[in-house]
Every structure is written in structure tokens, then in C-alpha cells.
Amino acid sequence: PAPPAATQAPAPAPAAAPAPMEVEMQQQQNQQQQIQQQQQQQQQQQQQQQTAPAPLGALGAALDGMSGGAKPRPATLVLKMRGLPFDTDQGDIVNFFKGSEGGGPVHVNADNVLMTLTQDGRPSGQAFVEFGTGEEAQAALKKNKASMGSRYVELFPSSREEATRNAM
């Protein structure tokens, strides 16, 4: 007798192309996942900025002397100043914050002022100032767009990291 014929399993049916709606839903899910990942990365970066490493250079010594070492400090203690007259010095900045324009006087120690320079060593018209408390920094922000000489000075919350990068 002849051996029984081998039975083959039917070949699987080719997969149907996904419906356009399914493709669109998958793309939306992928976009949502990307947005969530970006938000998580931003949160991690913000948390890292809350604990600032000690800066290097001349400002580092001043900032460390003020903070007692490399302790975590909120980024809001440092303000960036922009639009300074090019002949501004640390004393001018101390006097700017002592003045009554744009709110009451705010104490600044000249050792906590970093004047930045351009790559060719000339004044950049920018500076960084670290305040002793968050309240002082907030009070100082009220002086945003106050005048120094014939120029108005813009103030921005900043960080020790940004000050360090600009000191190099």
C-alpha cells in the first residue's frame, strides 16, 4: 500500500496592510510617547539645575565664600544683567541695586558680581550677580529695565552654571 499523502498546513494568509486609521493612531501614540519623554528630560534637567556645582574662576571663590562651599543653591539666587554701559564696573552694579529706581535698595556684595568679557577681552555689557537670599534676588528683579546712565538694564533669572560658562 502507498504511504498516506503528507498533509501540509495551509500557508498563513498574508497580513493585510494596516488601515489608515490604525496608522494614524499609532503615529499619535508615538508622538505622545515622544512628548512624555521630552517632558521627563526637561524635569530631570530642571532638577539638576536646582543643585548647582561650584563655578570656577574668580566668581567661584566669591560664590563659594558666600555659600560656604558647594552647597545646593536654587538657581534664582543668580541674576544675569544685560545692556550695561561698557564702562560699568562692579561698584556701578552695587550702586545700581542700592538705588531706589525700580523698587527699593537691594544689598549686593561687589565680590558676588561677575563682569563678562567678549572673546577679545573687551566688556560685553553683561554681568552676573549672586544674591544672599531668594528674597533679595526677587526684589532685585523688580529693577528690570531700570536705567544705568543712559541705558536701561535688563535682568533675568540665571544660574551659577551660566555664570561659570560665561566666565571662561
N, C-alpha and C. Protein backbone atom coordinates (compact mmCIF):
# COMPACT_ATOMS: atom_id res chain seq x y z
N PRO A 1 0.83 -1.19 0.00
CA PRO A 1 0.00 0.00 0.00
C PRO A 1 0.87 1.24 0.00
N ALA A 2 0.38 2.24 -0.60
CA ALA A 2 1.10 3.52 -0.71
C ALA A 2 0.99 4.26 0.60
N PRO A 3 2.11 4.90 0.99
CA PRO A 3 2.04 5.67 2.25
C PRO A 3 1.03 6.80 2.10
N PRO A 4 0.41 7.15 3.22
CA PRO A 4 -0.57 8.23 3.14
C PRO A 4 0.12 9.53 2.72
N ALA A 5 -0.58 10.32 1.97
CA ALA A 5 -0.03 11.60 1.49
C ALA A 5 0.17 12.53 2.67
N ALA A 6 1.32 13.17 2.68
CA ALA A 6 1.61 14.12 3.77
C ALA A 6 0.69 15.31 3.63
N THR A 7 0.15 15.69 4.75
CA THR A 7 -0.75 16.85 4.71
C THR A 7 0.05 18.07 5.13
N GLN A 8 -0.05 19.06 4.36
CA GLN A 8 0.66 20.30 4.68
C GLN A 8 -0.32 21.28 5.29
N ALA A 9 0.19 22.01 6.29
CA ALA A 9 -0.65 23.05 6.89
C ALA A 9 -0.80 24.15 5.88
N PRO A 10 -1.97 24.73 5.82
CA PRO A 10 -2.15 25.81 4.85
C PRO A 10 -1.22 26.97 5.19
N ALA A 11 -0.72 27.60 4.19
CA ALA A 11 0.16 28.76 4.38
C ALA A 11 -0.64 29.88 5.02
N PRO A 12 0.01 30.61 5.95
CA PRO A 12 -0.74 31.71 6.58
C PRO A 12 -1.09 32.76 5.54
N ALA A 13 -2.22 33.35 5.76
CA ALA A 13 -2.68 34.39 4.83
C ALA A 13 -1.78 35.60 4.99
N PRO A 14 -1.45 36.25 3.90
CA PRO A 14 -0.60 37.44 4.03
C PRO A 14 -1.30 38.48 4.89
N ALA A 15 -0.50 39.14 5.72
CA ALA A 15 -1.07 40.15 6.62
C ALA A 15 -1.61 41.30 5.79
N ALA A 16 -2.78 41.70 6.20
CA ALA A 16 -3.40 42.82 5.49
C ALA A 16 -2.69 44.11 5.88
N ALA A 17 -2.60 45.03 4.98
CA ALA A 17 -1.99 46.33 5.27
C ALA A 17 -2.84 47.02 6.33
N PRO A 18 -2.18 47.68 7.31
CA PRO A 18 -2.97 48.34 8.36
C PRO A 18 -3.84 49.43 7.75
N ALA A 19 -4.98 49.55 8.35
CA ALA A 19 -5.92 50.57 7.89
C ALA A 19 -5.34 51.95 8.17
N PRO A 20 -5.68 52.92 7.33
CA PRO A 20 -5.14 54.27 7.56
C PRO A 20 -5.42 54.78 8.96
N MET A 21 -6.56 54.44 9.51
CA MET A 21 -6.90 54.92 10.86
C MET A 21 -5.95 54.32 11.89
N GLU A 22 -5.60 53.03 11.72
CA GLU A 22 -4.67 52.39 12.64
C GLU A 22 -3.29 53.04 12.55
N VAL A 23 -2.87 53.37 11.36
CA VAL A 23 -1.57 54.03 11.17
C VAL A 23 -1.57 55.38 11.87
N GLU A 24 -2.65 56.12 11.70
CA GLU A 24 -2.75 57.44 12.34
C GLU A 24 -2.74 57.33 13.86
N MET A 25 -3.46 56.32 14.39
CA MET A 25 -3.48 56.12 15.85
C MET A 25 -2.09 55.77 16.36
N GLN A 26 -1.37 54.93 15.62
CA GLN A 26 -0.02 54.55 16.02
C GLN A 26 0.91 55.77 16.01
N GLN A 27 0.78 56.62 15.00
CA GLN A 27 1.60 57.84 14.93
C GLN A 27 1.30 58.75 16.11
N GLN A 28 0.02 58.88 16.47
CA GLN A 28 -0.35 59.72 17.60
C GLN A 28 0.23 59.17 18.90
N GLN A 29 0.18 57.85 19.05
CA GLN A 29 0.75 57.23 20.25
C GLN A 29 2.26 57.48 20.30
N ASN A 30 2.92 57.34 19.16
CA ASN A 30 4.37 57.59 19.12
C ASN A 30 4.68 59.04 19.48
N GLN A 31 3.89 59.97 18.97
CA GLN A 31 4.10 61.39 19.28
C GLN A 31 3.89 61.65 20.76
N GLN A 32 2.85 61.03 21.35
CA GLN A 32 2.59 61.22 22.78
C GLN A 32 3.74 60.67 23.61
N GLN A 33 4.29 59.53 23.20
CA GLN A 33 5.42 58.96 23.91
C GLN A 33 6.64 59.88 23.82
N GLN A 34 6.86 60.46 22.65
CA GLN A 34 7.99 61.39 22.48
C GLN A 34 7.80 62.62 23.35
N ILE A 35 6.59 63.14 23.41
CA ILE A 35 6.31 64.32 24.23
C ILE A 35 6.54 63.99 25.70
N GLN A 36 6.08 62.81 26.14
CA GLN A 36 6.29 62.41 27.53
C GLN A 36 7.77 62.27 27.85
N GLN A 37 8.53 61.71 26.92
CA GLN A 37 9.97 61.57 27.13
C GLN A 37 10.64 62.93 27.22
N GLN A 38 10.24 63.87 26.35
CA GLN A 38 10.81 65.21 26.39
C GLN A 38 10.47 65.90 27.71
N GLN A 39 9.24 65.73 28.18
CA GLN A 39 8.84 66.35 29.44
C GLN A 39 9.65 65.77 30.60
N GLN A 40 9.86 64.45 30.58
CA GLN A 40 10.66 63.83 31.62
C GLN A 40 12.10 64.35 31.59
N GLN A 41 12.65 64.50 30.39
CA GLN A 41 14.01 65.03 30.28
C GLN A 41 14.09 66.46 30.79
N GLN A 42 13.08 67.28 30.48
CA GLN A 42 13.05 68.66 30.96
C GLN A 42 12.97 68.69 32.48
N GLN A 43 12.15 67.81 33.07
CA GLN A 43 12.04 67.76 34.52
C GLN A 43 13.37 67.37 35.15
N GLN A 44 14.04 66.40 34.54
CA GLN A 44 15.35 65.99 35.06
C GLN A 44 16.36 67.12 34.97
N GLN A 45 16.34 67.87 33.87
CA GLN A 45 17.26 68.99 33.71
C GLN A 45 16.97 70.07 34.74
N GLN A 46 15.70 70.33 34.99
CA GLN A 46 15.33 71.34 35.99
C GLN A 46 15.80 70.91 37.37
N GLN A 47 15.64 69.63 37.68
CA GLN A 47 16.09 69.14 38.98
C GLN A 47 17.60 69.25 39.10
N GLN A 48 18.33 68.97 38.02
CA GLN A 48 19.77 69.08 38.05
C GLN A 48 20.20 70.53 38.22
N GLN A 49 19.45 71.47 37.65
CA GLN A 49 19.80 72.88 37.78
C GLN A 49 19.57 73.39 39.19
N GLN A 50 18.70 72.74 39.93
CA GLN A 50 18.45 73.16 41.31
C GLN A 50 19.67 72.92 42.18
N THR A 51 20.49 71.96 41.84
CA THR A 51 21.71 71.68 42.58
C THR A 51 22.88 72.06 41.69
N ALA A 52 23.39 73.24 41.91
CA ALA A 52 24.42 73.78 41.03
C ALA A 52 25.81 73.45 41.55
N PRO A 53 26.72 73.01 40.67
CA PRO A 53 28.10 72.81 41.10
C PRO A 53 28.79 74.17 41.30
N ALA A 54 29.82 74.16 42.08
CA ALA A 54 30.55 75.39 42.31
C ALA A 54 31.21 75.85 41.02
N PRO A 55 31.10 77.13 40.67
CA PRO A 55 31.74 77.62 39.46
C PRO A 55 33.24 77.75 39.64
N LEU A 56 33.92 77.90 38.52
CA LEU A 56 35.37 78.04 38.52
C LEU A 56 35.75 79.50 38.36
N GLY A 57 36.96 79.82 38.60
CA GLY A 57 37.45 81.15 38.34
C GLY A 57 37.19 82.11 39.49
N ALA A 58 37.31 83.41 39.19
CA ALA A 58 37.20 84.45 40.21
C ALA A 58 35.84 84.46 40.87
N LEU A 59 34.78 84.30 40.09
CA LEU A 59 33.45 84.31 40.69
C LEU A 59 33.27 83.10 41.59
N GLY A 60 33.89 81.98 41.23
CA GLY A 60 33.75 80.77 42.03
C GLY A 60 34.18 80.99 43.47
N ALA A 61 35.31 81.66 43.66
CA ALA A 61 35.77 81.93 45.01
C ALA A 61 34.78 82.82 45.76
N ALA A 62 34.28 83.82 45.07
CA ALA A 62 33.31 84.72 45.71
C ALA A 62 32.02 83.98 46.04
N LEU A 63 31.53 83.18 45.10
CA LEU A 63 30.28 82.46 45.33
C LEU A 63 30.46 81.41 46.40
N ASP A 64 31.59 80.71 46.40
CA ASP A 64 31.83 79.71 47.43
C ASP A 64 31.97 80.36 48.80
N GLY A 65 32.61 81.51 48.86
CA GLY A 65 32.73 82.21 50.13
C GLY A 65 31.37 82.60 50.67
N MET A 66 30.49 82.93 49.78
CA MET A 66 29.15 83.33 50.19
C MET A 66 28.33 82.13 50.62
N SER A 67 28.49 81.00 49.96
CA SER A 67 27.65 79.84 50.22
C SER A 67 28.30 78.87 51.21
N GLY A 68 29.56 79.09 51.55
CA GLY A 68 30.22 78.18 52.47
C GLY A 68 30.66 76.88 51.80
N GLY A 69 30.83 76.89 50.52
CA GLY A 69 31.23 75.69 49.80
C GLY A 69 30.21 75.36 48.73
N ALA A 70 30.33 74.20 48.15
CA ALA A 70 29.46 73.81 47.04
C ALA A 70 28.17 73.20 47.56
N LYS A 71 27.35 73.99 48.23
CA LYS A 71 26.05 73.52 48.71
C LYS A 71 25.03 73.70 47.61
N PRO A 72 23.99 72.86 47.61
CA PRO A 72 22.92 73.09 46.64
C PRO A 72 22.28 74.45 46.87
N ARG A 73 22.10 75.20 45.80
CA ARG A 73 21.50 76.52 45.91
C ARG A 73 20.49 76.67 44.78
N PRO A 74 19.36 77.28 45.07
CA PRO A 74 18.39 77.50 43.99
C PRO A 74 18.97 78.40 42.91
N ALA A 75 18.65 78.13 41.65
CA ALA A 75 19.17 78.91 40.53
C ALA A 75 18.70 80.35 40.58
N THR A 76 17.64 80.65 41.32
CA THR A 76 17.10 82.00 41.35
C THR A 76 17.96 82.98 42.14
N LEU A 77 19.03 82.54 42.78
CA LEU A 77 19.90 83.46 43.51
C LEU A 77 20.81 84.25 42.57
N VAL A 78 20.95 83.79 41.34
CA VAL A 78 21.84 84.44 40.38
C VAL A 78 20.98 85.14 39.32
N LEU A 79 21.30 86.41 39.08
CA LEU A 79 20.63 87.16 38.02
C LEU A 79 21.65 87.55 36.96
N LYS A 80 21.20 87.52 35.72
CA LYS A 80 22.01 87.98 34.60
C LYS A 80 21.58 89.40 34.28
N MET A 81 22.54 90.27 34.11
CA MET A 81 22.29 91.66 33.73
C MET A 81 22.72 91.83 32.28
N ARG A 82 21.89 92.49 31.49
CA ARG A 82 22.22 92.72 30.08
C ARG A 82 21.90 94.18 29.74
N GLY A 83 22.71 94.75 28.89
CA GLY A 83 22.51 96.14 28.47
C GLY A 83 23.30 97.14 29.29
N LEU A 84 24.32 96.66 29.99
CA LEU A 84 25.14 97.55 30.81
C LEU A 84 26.00 98.45 29.93
N PRO A 85 26.22 99.69 30.37
CA PRO A 85 27.20 100.52 29.66
C PRO A 85 28.56 99.80 29.69
N PHE A 86 29.33 99.94 28.63
CA PHE A 86 30.57 99.18 28.52
C PHE A 86 31.63 99.60 29.53
N ASP A 87 31.48 100.77 30.14
CA ASP A 87 32.45 101.19 31.14
C ASP A 87 32.00 100.86 32.57
N THR A 88 30.97 100.04 32.71
CA THR A 88 30.45 99.66 34.03
C THR A 88 31.46 98.82 34.78
N ASP A 89 31.59 99.07 36.09
CA ASP A 89 32.42 98.22 36.93
C ASP A 89 31.55 97.64 38.06
N GLN A 90 32.16 96.84 38.91
CA GLN A 90 31.42 96.19 39.99
C GLN A 90 30.77 97.20 40.92
N GLY A 91 31.46 98.28 41.20
CA GLY A 91 30.90 99.32 42.07
C GLY A 91 29.64 99.94 41.48
N ASP A 92 29.62 100.13 40.16
CA ASP A 92 28.43 100.68 39.50
C ASP A 92 27.24 99.74 39.68
N ILE A 93 27.50 98.44 39.62
CA ILE A 93 26.41 97.48 39.78
C ILE A 93 25.90 97.48 41.22
N VAL A 94 26.82 97.55 42.18
CA VAL A 94 26.41 97.64 43.58
C VAL A 94 25.53 98.88 43.77
N ASN A 95 25.95 100.01 43.20
CA ASN A 95 25.17 101.25 43.32
C ASN A 95 23.82 101.16 42.59
N PHE A 96 23.78 100.45 41.47
CA PHE A 96 22.53 100.25 40.74
C PHE A 96 21.50 99.58 41.65
N PHE A 97 21.93 98.55 42.37
CA PHE A 97 20.99 97.84 43.24
C PHE A 97 20.70 98.61 44.54
N LYS A 98 21.59 99.52 44.94
CA LYS A 98 21.33 100.37 46.11
C LYS A 98 20.29 101.43 45.82
N GLY A 99 20.17 101.82 44.55
CA GLY A 99 19.29 102.91 44.17
C GLY A 99 17.82 102.59 44.37
N SER A 100 17.00 103.64 44.33
CA SER A 100 15.56 103.47 44.57
C SER A 100 14.78 103.24 43.28
N GLU A 101 15.38 103.48 42.11
CA GLU A 101 14.65 103.28 40.87
C GLU A 101 14.31 101.80 40.69
N GLY A 102 13.06 101.54 40.33
CA GLY A 102 12.63 100.16 40.10
C GLY A 102 12.45 99.36 41.37
N GLY A 103 12.14 100.02 42.46
CA GLY A 103 11.96 99.31 43.72
C GLY A 103 13.00 99.76 44.72
N GLY A 104 12.91 99.23 45.91
CA GLY A 104 13.81 99.64 46.98
C GLY A 104 15.22 99.11 46.79
N PRO A 105 16.12 99.55 47.66
CA PRO A 105 17.51 99.10 47.56
C PRO A 105 17.64 97.61 47.89
N VAL A 106 18.59 96.96 47.23
CA VAL A 106 18.88 95.55 47.46
C VAL A 106 20.38 95.43 47.69
N HIS A 107 20.76 94.73 48.76
CA HIS A 107 22.18 94.59 49.09
C HIS A 107 22.88 93.65 48.11
N VAL A 108 24.02 94.09 47.60
CA VAL A 108 24.87 93.28 46.74
C VAL A 108 26.30 93.45 47.22
N ASN A 109 27.02 92.36 47.34
CA ASN A 109 28.44 92.40 47.66
C ASN A 109 29.21 92.43 46.35
N ALA A 110 30.11 93.37 46.19
CA ALA A 110 30.87 93.51 44.94
C ALA A 110 31.61 92.23 44.57
N ASP A 111 31.98 91.42 45.56
CA ASP A 111 32.68 90.17 45.28
C ASP A 111 31.77 89.15 44.60
N ASN A 112 30.45 89.38 44.63
CA ASN A 112 29.49 88.45 44.02
C ASN A 112 29.01 88.95 42.67
N VAL A 113 29.79 89.84 42.06
CA VAL A 113 29.47 90.38 40.74
C VAL A 113 30.54 89.88 39.76
N LEU A 114 30.08 89.28 38.67
CA LEU A 114 30.99 88.82 37.62
C LEU A 114 30.72 89.64 36.37
N MET A 115 31.71 90.41 35.95
CA MET A 115 31.63 91.18 34.71
C MET A 115 32.15 90.28 33.59
N THR A 116 31.37 90.08 32.55
CA THR A 116 31.81 89.21 31.47
C THR A 116 32.49 90.02 30.37
N LEU A 117 33.37 89.34 29.65
CA LEU A 117 34.13 89.97 28.57
C LEU A 117 33.85 89.24 27.26
N THR A 118 34.06 89.93 26.16
CA THR A 118 33.97 89.30 24.85
C THR A 118 35.21 88.44 24.63
N GLN A 119 35.25 87.70 23.53
CA GLN A 119 36.40 86.84 23.26
C GLN A 119 37.68 87.64 23.09
N ASP A 120 37.57 88.89 22.66
CA ASP A 120 38.78 89.70 22.51
C ASP A 120 39.10 90.51 23.76
N GLY A 121 38.43 90.19 24.89
CA GLY A 121 38.78 90.79 26.18
C GLY A 121 38.12 92.11 26.49
N ARG A 122 37.18 92.55 25.67
CA ARG A 122 36.50 93.82 25.94
C ARG A 122 35.22 93.56 26.73
N PRO A 123 34.71 94.56 27.46
CA PRO A 123 33.45 94.38 28.21
C PRO A 123 32.31 93.99 27.27
N SER A 124 31.49 93.06 27.73
CA SER A 124 30.39 92.54 26.90
C SER A 124 29.08 93.28 27.13
N GLY A 125 29.00 94.07 28.20
CA GLY A 125 27.72 94.71 28.54
C GLY A 125 26.82 93.78 29.34
N GLN A 126 27.39 92.68 29.83
CA GLN A 126 26.64 91.73 30.64
C GLN A 126 27.40 91.45 31.92
N ALA A 127 26.62 91.04 32.94
CA ALA A 127 27.22 90.66 34.21
C ALA A 127 26.29 89.67 34.90
N PHE A 128 26.84 88.96 35.87
CA PHE A 128 26.07 88.03 36.69
C PHE A 128 26.24 88.47 38.14
N VAL A 129 25.15 88.40 38.89
CA VAL A 129 25.18 88.80 40.30
C VAL A 129 24.51 87.70 41.11
N GLU A 130 25.18 87.27 42.19
CA GLU A 130 24.55 86.31 43.09
C GLU A 130 24.14 87.04 44.37
N PHE A 131 22.92 86.79 44.77
CA PHE A 131 22.37 87.41 45.97
C PHE A 131 22.39 86.41 47.12
N GLY A 132 22.32 86.93 48.33
CA GLY A 132 22.40 86.09 49.52
C GLY A 132 21.16 85.25 49.76
N THR A 133 20.00 85.75 49.35
CA THR A 133 18.75 85.02 49.57
C THR A 133 17.87 85.10 48.32
N GLY A 134 16.93 84.20 48.25
CA GLY A 134 15.97 84.23 47.16
C GLY A 134 15.12 85.49 47.19
N GLU A 135 14.83 85.97 48.40
CA GLU A 135 14.04 87.19 48.54
C GLU A 135 14.79 88.40 47.96
N GLU A 136 16.09 88.46 48.21
CA GLU A 136 16.88 89.56 47.65
C GLU A 136 16.90 89.49 46.12
N ALA A 137 17.03 88.28 45.58
CA ALA A 137 17.04 88.12 44.12
C ALA A 137 15.69 88.54 43.54
N GLN A 138 14.61 88.17 44.20
CA GLN A 138 13.28 88.56 43.72
C GLN A 138 13.10 90.08 43.78
N ALA A 139 13.56 90.68 44.87
CA ALA A 139 13.46 92.14 44.99
C ALA A 139 14.31 92.81 43.90
N ALA A 140 15.48 92.24 43.61
CA ALA A 140 16.35 92.81 42.58
C ALA A 140 15.72 92.73 41.20
N LEU A 141 14.94 91.68 40.95
CA LEU A 141 14.28 91.54 39.65
C LEU A 141 13.31 92.69 39.37
N LYS A 142 12.84 93.34 40.41
CA LYS A 142 11.93 94.48 40.23
C LYS A 142 12.64 95.65 39.56
N LYS A 143 13.96 95.61 39.54
CA LYS A 143 14.74 96.67 38.91
C LYS A 143 14.95 96.40 37.41
N ASN A 144 14.28 95.39 36.88
CA ASN A 144 14.37 95.10 35.46
C ASN A 144 13.99 96.34 34.66
N LYS A 145 14.82 96.68 33.70
CA LYS A 145 14.65 97.82 32.80
C LYS A 145 14.81 99.17 33.50
N ALA A 146 15.40 99.18 34.68
CA ALA A 146 15.77 100.44 35.33
C ALA A 146 16.99 101.00 34.60
N SER A 147 17.20 102.30 34.71
CA SER A 147 18.29 102.95 33.97
C SER A 147 19.61 102.91 34.72
N MET A 148 20.66 102.75 33.95
CA MET A 148 22.03 102.93 34.44
C MET A 148 22.67 103.85 33.43
N GLY A 149 22.87 105.08 33.83
CA GLY A 149 23.34 106.08 32.88
C GLY A 149 22.26 106.32 31.84
N SER A 150 22.62 106.24 30.59
CA SER A 150 21.64 106.48 29.52
C SER A 150 21.03 105.18 29.00
N ARG A 151 21.34 104.07 29.65
CA ARG A 151 20.86 102.76 29.17
C ARG A 151 19.93 102.13 30.18
N TYR A 152 19.00 101.32 29.67
CA TYR A 152 18.19 100.53 30.60
C TYR A 152 18.80 99.15 30.68
N VAL A 153 18.71 98.56 31.86
CA VAL A 153 19.35 97.28 32.13
C VAL A 153 18.27 96.22 32.29
N GLU A 154 18.44 95.13 31.54
CA GLU A 154 17.51 94.01 31.66
C GLU A 154 18.08 93.01 32.66
N LEU A 155 17.18 92.43 33.46
CA LEU A 155 17.56 91.42 34.45
C LEU A 155 16.82 90.13 34.16
N PHE A 156 17.54 89.01 34.28
CA PHE A 156 16.96 87.69 34.01
C PHE A 156 17.39 86.72 35.11
N PRO A 157 16.49 85.85 35.56
CA PRO A 157 16.95 84.77 36.44
C PRO A 157 17.99 83.94 35.70
N SER A 158 19.00 83.52 36.40
CA SER A 158 20.08 82.77 35.77
C SER A 158 20.52 81.66 36.71
N SER A 159 21.73 81.19 36.54
CA SER A 159 22.26 80.12 37.37
C SER A 159 23.77 80.26 37.51
N ARG A 160 24.32 79.55 38.47
CA ARG A 160 25.77 79.55 38.63
C ARG A 160 26.44 78.90 37.42
N GLU A 161 25.78 77.90 36.84
CA GLU A 161 26.35 77.24 35.66
C GLU A 161 26.51 78.23 34.51
N GLU A 162 25.48 79.03 34.27
CA GLU A 162 25.56 80.01 33.18
C GLU A 162 26.65 81.03 33.47
N ALA A 163 26.75 81.47 34.72
CA ALA A 163 27.81 82.42 35.09
C ALA A 163 29.18 81.79 34.85
N THR A 164 29.31 80.51 35.21
CA THR A 164 30.58 79.82 35.01
C THR A 164 30.93 79.71 33.55
N ARG A 165 29.94 79.34 32.72
CA ARG A 165 30.19 79.22 31.28
C ARG A 165 30.64 80.55 30.70
N ASN A 166 30.07 81.65 31.15
CA ASN A 166 30.39 82.95 30.62
C ASN A 166 31.68 83.51 31.19
N ALA A 167 32.19 82.92 32.27
CA ALA A 167 33.44 83.38 32.86
C ALA A 167 34.65 82.80 32.14
N MET A 168 34.44 81.75 31.37
CA MET A 168 35.56 81.06 30.71
C MET A 168 36.05 81.87 29.53
